[in-house]
Amino acid sequence: MQLNGIHDLIPFLNHLDRESIYYRLDHLRDDSIMVSFTLVGVRVELDFFSDHVEFSYFQGTEAVETDTGLLERLMREHWGDD
């Protein structure tokens, strides 16, 4: 799949629809539209710019946790851009 910019946004969304992948659109930057979706074990964020696409992915387990101490530690360690 070749993604070269904002003109590929609609075809990409149609692809996600065909695959029954739930996605979310956000306009967080003044020069792009973000598409976010989650697959098993990975969350993906794509930014569609006028002339290119950038993406980030975040991998991890999908285990259910009950340790609120772990939740507090994760929030403390990963809050902000430090």
C-alpha atoms as a PDB file:
ATOM      1  CA  MET A   1       0.000   0.000   0.000  1.00  0.00           C
ATOM      2  CA  GLN A   2       1.504   3.287  -1.122  1.00  0.00           C
ATOM      3  CA  LEU A   3       0.465   6.358   0.872  1.00  0.00           C
ATOM      4  CA  ASN A   4       1.809   9.650  -0.437  1.00  0.00           C
ATOM      5  CA  GLY A   5      -0.296  12.298   1.245  1.00  0.00           C
ATOM      6  CA  ILE A   6      -3.736  13.657   2.018  1.00  0.00           C
ATOM      7  CA  HIS A   7      -5.130  12.577  -1.369  1.00  0.00           C
ATOM      8  CA  ASP A   8      -4.721   8.967  -0.154  1.00  0.00           C
ATOM      9  CA  LEU A   9      -6.804   9.528   2.998  1.00  0.00           C
ATOM     10  CA  ILE A  10     -10.211   8.498   1.611  1.00  0.00           C
ATOM     11  CA  PRO A  11      -8.911   5.343  -0.119  1.00  0.00           C
ATOM     12  CA  PHE A  12      -7.127   4.395   3.129  1.00  0.00           C
ATOM     13  CA  LEU A  13     -10.304   4.909   5.177  1.00  0.00           C
ATOM     14  CA  ASN A  14     -12.220   2.805   2.651  1.00  0.00           C
ATOM     15  CA  HIS A  15      -9.594   0.074   3.105  1.00  0.00           C
ATOM     16  CA  LEU A  16     -10.051   0.168   6.888  1.00  0.00           C
ATOM     17  CA  ASP A  17     -13.832   0.002   6.407  1.00  0.00           C
ATOM     18  CA  ARG A  18     -13.529  -3.031   4.126  1.00  0.00           C
ATOM     19  CA  GLU A  19     -11.363  -4.748   6.735  1.00  0.00           C
ATOM     20  CA  SER A  20     -13.834  -3.807   9.514  1.00  0.00           C
ATOM     21  CA  ILE A  21     -11.120  -1.911  11.387  1.00  0.00           C
ATOM     22  CA  TYR A  22     -12.553   0.776  13.646  1.00  0.00           C
ATOM     23  CA  TYR A  23     -10.657   4.063  13.372  1.00  0.00           C
ATOM     24  CA  ARG A  24     -10.760   7.578  14.697  1.00  0.00           C
ATOM     25  CA  LEU A  25      -9.980  10.845  12.906  1.00  0.00           C
ATOM     26  CA  ASP A  26      -8.362  13.759  14.709  1.00  0.00           C
ATOM     27  CA  HIS A  27      -7.170  17.184  13.625  1.00  0.00           C
ATOM     28  CA  LEU A  28      -4.523  17.918  16.262  1.00  0.00           C
ATOM     29  CA  ARG A  29      -1.970  19.708  14.070  1.00  0.00           C
ATOM     30  CA  ASP A  30      -2.706  22.517  11.669  1.00  0.00           C
ATOM     31  CA  ASP A  31      -1.083  20.683   8.745  1.00  0.00           C
ATOM     32  CA  SER A  32      -2.342  17.101   9.021  1.00  0.00           C
ATOM     33  CA  ILE A  33      -5.230  14.766   9.762  1.00  0.00           C
ATOM     34  CA  MET A  34      -4.548  11.851  12.093  1.00  0.00           C
ATOM     35  CA  VAL A  35      -6.049   8.388  11.681  1.00  0.00           C
ATOM     36  CA  SER A  36      -5.771   6.190  14.776  1.00  0.00           C
ATOM     37  CA  PHE A  37      -6.659   2.524  14.989  1.00  0.00           C
ATOM     38  CA  THR A  38      -5.890  -0.479  17.144  1.00  0.00           C
ATOM     39  CA  LEU A  39      -5.035  -4.002  16.057  1.00  0.00           C
ATOM     40  CA  VAL A  40      -4.204  -6.945  18.290  1.00  0.00           C
ATOM     41  CA  GLY A  41      -1.071  -5.917  20.168  1.00  0.00           C
ATOM     42  CA  VAL A  42      -0.455  -2.622  18.376  1.00  0.00           C
ATOM     43  CA  ARG A  43      -1.956   0.869  18.242  1.00  0.00           C
ATOM     44  CA  VAL A  44      -1.213   2.930  15.119  1.00  0.00           C
ATOM     45  CA  GLU A  45      -1.374   6.691  14.517  1.00  0.00           C
ATOM     46  CA  LEU A  46      -0.988   7.970  10.941  1.00  0.00           C
ATOM     47  CA  ASP A  47      -0.664  11.638  10.077  1.00  0.00           C
ATOM     48  CA  PHE A  48      -1.720  12.517   6.538  1.00  0.00           C
ATOM     49  CA  PHE A  49       0.037  15.678   5.333  1.00  0.00           C
ATOM     50  CA  SER A  50      -0.439  17.360   1.967  1.00  0.00           C
ATOM     51  CA  ASP A  51       2.573  15.584   0.455  1.00  0.00           C
ATOM     52  CA  HIS A  52       3.485  12.663   2.740  1.00  0.00           C
ATOM     53  CA  VAL A  53       2.360  10.344   5.530  1.00  0.00           C
ATOM     54  CA  GLU A  54       4.047   9.736   8.876  1.00  0.00           C
ATOM     55  CA  PHE A  55       3.083   7.094  11.402  1.00  0.00           C
ATOM     56  CA  SER A  56       3.884   5.857  14.883  1.00  0.00           C
ATOM     57  CA  TYR A  57       3.016   2.510  16.376  1.00  0.00           C
ATOM     58  CA  PHE A  58       2.865   1.375  19.956  1.00  0.00           C
ATOM     59  CA  GLN A  59       3.249  -2.302  20.765  1.00  0.00           C
ATOM     60  CA  GLY A  60       2.378  -4.129  23.930  1.00  0.00           C
ATOM     61  CA  THR A  61       0.362  -6.911  25.411  1.00  0.00           C
ATOM     62  CA  GLU A  62      -3.364  -6.729  25.795  1.00  0.00           C
ATOM     63  CA  ALA A  63      -3.320  -8.448  29.155  1.00  0.00           C
ATOM     64  CA  VAL A  64      -5.890  -7.310  31.673  1.00  0.00           C
ATOM     65  CA  GLU A  65      -4.224  -5.915  34.792  1.00  0.00           C
ATOM     66  CA  THR A  66      -5.669  -5.395  38.265  1.00  0.00           C
ATOM     67  CA  ASP A  67      -2.595  -3.930  39.983  1.00  0.00           C
ATOM     68  CA  THR A  68      -3.446  -0.244  40.451  1.00  0.00           C
ATOM     69  CA  GLY A  69       0.113   0.313  41.649  1.00  0.00           C
ATOM     70  CA  LEU A  70       1.264  -0.629  38.146  1.00  0.00           C
ATOM     71  CA  LEU A  71      -1.232   1.841  36.695  1.00  0.00           C
ATOM     72  CA  GLU A  72       0.071   4.615  38.939  1.00  0.00           C
ATOM     73  CA  ARG A  73       3.687   3.766  38.055  1.00  0.00           C
ATOM     74  CA  LEU A  74       2.923   3.766  34.312  1.00  0.00           C
ATOM     75  CA  MET A  75       1.171   7.116  34.576  1.00  0.00           C
ATOM     76  CA  ARG A  76       4.024   8.620  36.594  1.00  0.00           C
ATOM     77  CA  GLU A  77       6.740   7.277  34.261  1.00  0.00           C
ATOM     78  CA  HIS A  78       5.004   8.047  30.976  1.00  0.00           C
ATOM     79  CA  TRP A  79       3.124  11.287  31.606  1.00  0.00           C
ATOM     80  CA  GLY A  80       4.391  14.238  29.569  1.00  0.00           C
ATOM     81  CA  ASP A  81       7.021  14.591  26.913  1.00  0.00           C
ATOM     82  CA  ASP A  82      10.065  14.283  29.188  1.00  0.00           C
END
